[in-house]
Protein backbone atom coordinates (compact mmCIF):
# COMPACT_ATOMS: atom_id res chain seq x y z
CA UNK A 1 16.43 -75.26 -50.30
CA UNK A 2 19.33 -75.86 -52.63
CA UNK A 3 21.64 -77.11 -49.88
CA UNK A 4 19.12 -79.79 -48.93
CA UNK A 5 19.14 -81.25 -52.43
CA UNK A 6 22.93 -81.02 -52.51
CA UNK A 7 23.06 -83.06 -49.31
CA UNK A 8 20.77 -85.66 -50.85
CA UNK A 9 22.84 -85.95 -54.01
CA UNK A 10 26.11 -86.12 -52.08
CA UNK A 11 25.18 -88.38 -49.15
CA UNK A 12 22.44 -90.77 -50.23
CA UNK A 13 24.63 -93.00 -52.39
CA UNK A 14 27.84 -92.58 -50.40
CA UNK A 15 26.78 -93.30 -46.82
CA UNK A 16 24.58 -95.56 -44.75
CA UNK A 17 21.49 -94.05 -43.16
CA UNK A 18 23.01 -94.18 -39.68
CA UNK A 19 26.23 -92.54 -40.82
CA UNK A 20 24.63 -89.65 -42.69
CA UNK A 21 22.13 -89.16 -39.88
CA UNK A 22 25.04 -88.86 -37.47
CA UNK A 23 26.80 -86.37 -39.75
CA UNK A 24 23.73 -84.19 -40.22
CA UNK A 25 22.60 -84.33 -36.59
CA UNK A 26 26.02 -83.08 -35.52
CA UNK A 27 26.33 -80.42 -38.21
CA UNK A 28 22.84 -79.02 -37.74
CA UNK A 29 23.35 -78.06 -34.10
CA UNK A 30 24.58 -74.59 -35.06
CA UNK A 31 22.39 -74.17 -38.14
CA UNK A 32 19.76 -71.45 -38.55
CA UNK A 33 16.22 -72.09 -37.38
CA UNK A 34 14.97 -71.85 -40.97
CA UNK A 35 17.35 -74.58 -42.15
CA UNK A 36 16.61 -76.88 -39.19
CA UNK A 37 12.86 -76.63 -39.75
CA UNK A 38 13.16 -77.11 -43.51
CA UNK A 39 15.24 -80.26 -43.13
CA UNK A 40 13.12 -81.66 -40.30
CA UNK A 41 9.81 -81.22 -42.10
CA UNK A 42 11.23 -82.57 -45.37
CA UNK A 43 12.40 -85.70 -43.55
CA UNK A 44 9.17 -85.95 -41.53
CA UNK A 45 7.11 -86.36 -44.68
CA UNK A 46 9.42 -89.09 -45.91
CA UNK A 47 8.46 -91.17 -42.88
CA UNK A 48 4.89 -89.87 -42.49
CA UNK A 49 3.73 -88.88 -45.97
CA UNK A 50 0.51 -87.17 -46.92
CA UNK A 51 -2.56 -89.33 -47.33
CA UNK A 52 -2.39 -91.50 -50.44
CA UNK A 53 1.41 -91.48 -50.55
CA UNK A 54 3.83 -94.16 -49.40
CA UNK A 55 6.72 -93.65 -46.96
CA UNK A 56 10.15 -93.34 -48.55
CA UNK A 57 12.61 -96.21 -48.29
CA UNK A 58 15.42 -95.51 -45.83
CA UNK A 59 17.85 -95.32 -48.77
CA UNK A 60 16.11 -92.04 -49.64
CA UNK A 61 16.17 -90.58 -46.12
CA UNK A 62 18.90 -88.31 -44.80
CA UNK A 63 18.28 -89.00 -41.11
CA UNK A 64 16.87 -91.87 -39.08
CA UNK A 65 13.30 -91.73 -37.84
CA UNK A 66 14.49 -91.37 -34.25
CA UNK A 67 16.77 -88.46 -35.16
CA UNK A 68 13.94 -86.87 -37.13
CA UNK A 69 11.70 -87.01 -34.04
CA UNK A 70 14.48 -85.51 -31.94
CA UNK A 71 14.87 -82.68 -34.44
CA UNK A 72 11.10 -82.10 -34.26
CA UNK A 73 11.46 -81.58 -30.51
CA UNK A 74 14.44 -79.27 -30.97
CA UNK A 75 12.68 -77.24 -33.69
CA UNK A 76 9.51 -76.91 -31.62
CA UNK A 77 11.49 -75.72 -28.62
CA UNK A 78 13.39 -73.19 -30.75
CA UNK A 79 10.13 -71.79 -32.14
CA UNK A 80 8.73 -71.51 -28.61
CA UNK A 81 11.85 -69.65 -27.48
CA UNK A 82 11.72 -67.39 -30.54
CA UNK A 83 8.10 -66.53 -29.76
CA UNK A 84 8.83 -65.76 -26.12
CA UNK A 85 11.80 -63.46 -26.85
CA UNK A 86 10.37 -62.03 -30.10
CA UNK A 87 13.33 -63.32 -32.09
CA UNK A 88 10.79 -64.75 -34.52
CA UNK A 89 10.32 -61.28 -36.01
CA UNK A 90 13.92 -61.33 -37.21
CA UNK A 91 13.09 -64.09 -39.69
CA UNK A 92 11.73 -63.47 -43.17
CA UNK A 93 8.65 -65.69 -42.77
CA UNK A 94 7.69 -65.88 -39.07
CA UNK A 95 4.15 -67.03 -39.84
CA UNK A 96 5.52 -69.95 -41.82
CA UNK A 97 7.43 -71.09 -38.74
CA UNK A 98 4.28 -70.79 -36.63
CA UNK A 99 2.36 -72.73 -39.26
CA UNK A 100 4.83 -75.61 -38.78
CA UNK A 101 4.70 -75.49 -35.00
CA UNK A 102 1.80 -77.95 -34.58
CA UNK A 103 3.48 -80.62 -36.69
CA UNK A 104 6.85 -80.21 -34.99
CA UNK A 105 5.40 -80.17 -31.48
CA UNK A 106 3.00 -83.02 -32.12
CA UNK A 107 0.26 -80.97 -30.45
CA UNK A 108 -1.94 -77.94 -31.11
CA UNK A 109 0.02 -74.72 -30.61
CA UNK A 110 -2.39 -72.50 -32.55
CA UNK A 111 -3.75 -70.69 -29.48
CA UNK A 112 -0.26 -69.63 -28.37
CA UNK A 113 0.66 -68.65 -31.93
CA UNK A 114 -2.52 -66.62 -32.45
CA UNK A 115 -2.13 -64.83 -29.11
CA UNK A 116 1.42 -63.81 -30.03
CA UNK A 117 0.39 -62.61 -33.49
CA UNK A 118 -2.55 -60.56 -32.24
CA UNK A 119 -0.37 -59.01 -29.55
CA UNK A 120 2.11 -57.91 -32.22
CA UNK A 121 -0.52 -55.84 -34.02
CA UNK A 122 0.57 -52.98 -31.76
CA UNK A 123 4.02 -53.07 -33.39
CA UNK A 124 4.21 -51.27 -36.75
CA UNK A 125 7.32 -53.15 -37.84
CA UNK A 126 5.73 -56.50 -36.98
CA UNK A 127 2.60 -55.65 -38.96
CA UNK A 128 4.71 -54.75 -41.99
CA UNK A 129 6.54 -58.09 -41.71
CA UNK A 130 3.22 -59.95 -41.50
CA UNK A 131 1.77 -58.04 -44.46
CA UNK A 132 4.76 -58.95 -46.62
CA UNK A 133 4.42 -62.62 -45.80
CA UNK A 134 0.65 -62.68 -46.29
CA UNK A 135 0.86 -61.10 -49.75
CA UNK A 136 1.73 -63.44 -52.62
CA UNK A 137 2.95 -62.26 -56.00
CA UNK A 138 1.87 -63.95 -59.20
CA UNK A 139 0.89 -63.36 -62.80
CA UNK A 140 -2.58 -63.02 -64.29
CA UNK A 141 -3.43 -63.48 -67.96
CA UNK A 142 -5.02 -60.51 -69.70
CA UNK A 143 -7.93 -60.63 -72.12
CA UNK A 144 -7.03 -62.92 -74.98
CA UNK A 145 -4.16 -64.41 -72.96
CA UNK A 146 -1.70 -62.47 -75.11
CA UNK A 147 0.27 -61.22 -72.14
CA UNK A 148 0.34 -61.45 -68.36
CA UNK A 149 0.34 -58.78 -65.69
CA UNK A 150 1.72 -58.96 -62.17
CA UNK A 151 -0.95 -59.65 -59.59
CA UNK A 152 -1.11 -60.07 -55.84
CA UNK A 153 -3.19 -62.33 -53.63
CA UNK A 154 -3.71 -62.81 -49.91
CA UNK A 155 -2.89 -66.01 -48.04
CA UNK A 156 -6.33 -66.05 -46.45
CA UNK A 157 -5.98 -69.41 -44.69
CA UNK A 158 -2.88 -68.20 -42.89
CA UNK A 159 -4.44 -64.82 -42.15
CA UNK A 160 -7.50 -66.45 -40.57
CA UNK A 161 -5.39 -68.91 -38.61
CA UNK A 162 -3.31 -66.30 -36.81
CA UNK A 163 -5.40 -63.13 -36.77
CA UNK A 164 -8.84 -61.64 -36.44
CA UNK A 165 -9.18 -60.73 -40.11
CA UNK A 166 -11.11 -57.48 -39.65
CA UNK A 167 -8.83 -56.23 -36.88
CA UNK A 168 -5.80 -57.01 -38.99
CA UNK A 169 -7.18 -55.17 -42.00
CA UNK A 170 -8.18 -52.18 -39.88
CA UNK A 171 -4.67 -52.02 -38.44
CA UNK A 172 -3.13 -52.11 -41.92
CA UNK A 173 -5.49 -49.35 -43.09
CA UNK A 174 -4.56 -47.26 -40.04
CA UNK A 175 -0.86 -47.64 -40.80
CA UNK A 176 -1.47 -46.88 -44.47
CA UNK A 177 -3.11 -43.55 -43.61
CA UNK A 178 -0.08 -42.59 -41.52
CA UNK A 179 2.53 -43.77 -44.02
CA UNK A 180 4.31 -41.45 -46.42
CA UNK A 181 3.05 -41.94 -50.01
CA UNK A 182 5.91 -43.19 -52.14
CA UNK A 183 7.65 -44.91 -49.23
CA UNK A 184 8.38 -48.63 -49.24
CA UNK A 185 6.05 -49.21 -46.30
CA UNK A 186 3.23 -47.38 -48.07
CA UNK A 187 3.66 -49.55 -51.17
CA UNK A 188 3.68 -52.77 -49.11
CA UNK A 189 0.54 -51.83 -47.16
CA UNK A 190 -1.29 -50.49 -50.23
CA UNK A 191 -0.53 -53.68 -52.15
CA UNK A 192 -2.08 -55.75 -49.37
CA UNK A 193 -5.24 -53.63 -49.16
CA UNK A 194 -5.72 -53.66 -52.93
CA UNK A 195 -5.34 -57.44 -53.02
CA UNK A 196 -7.61 -57.89 -50.02
CA UNK A 197 -10.36 -55.83 -51.67
CA UNK A 198 -10.04 -57.74 -54.96
CA UNK A 199 -12.32 -60.83 -54.79
CA UNK A 200 -10.17 -62.54 -57.44
CA UNK A 201 -7.23 -62.61 -55.04
CA UNK A 202 -8.92 -64.70 -52.33
């Protein structure tokens, strides 16, 4: 997010780690769930990088390791609350939040996440939200690579993680049959089915 990089450029050279961690920890208390998770995960990987990478020096960190761990706990608890009261559906990418839950909680939350997702298949609006998030837009070169056409693909790893794939597809097809051709919902569902049935999109 742009604001994250603005914070880095503004604070890293002007404050000590403890000072900027104090500033951010205080300011983030009323921030959106999306922003809290983005910042927390970004800082997490500075301290615990992917395999083959080295941790960042504290001069390049916005918050202390202890504050980062505390924000992990806060973020995990907020996701849990959002799942229990269905607030998660009000966010643009609810599955992305669930995908981060394990890391933030420090334990496997996939069973809880999958149960919630499968339960939401009875909700037309929830299914539409999931379909949007699971469909990626890109560009595919045409013959001769002279021009590109818009293409769509399915985030199969995420789909398999949170749903029974066949049940999800069947539910989308059921909704598609009931949707009004030309409506926004129809276009969203049709796009998913077309991409799902295209082996190049997996």
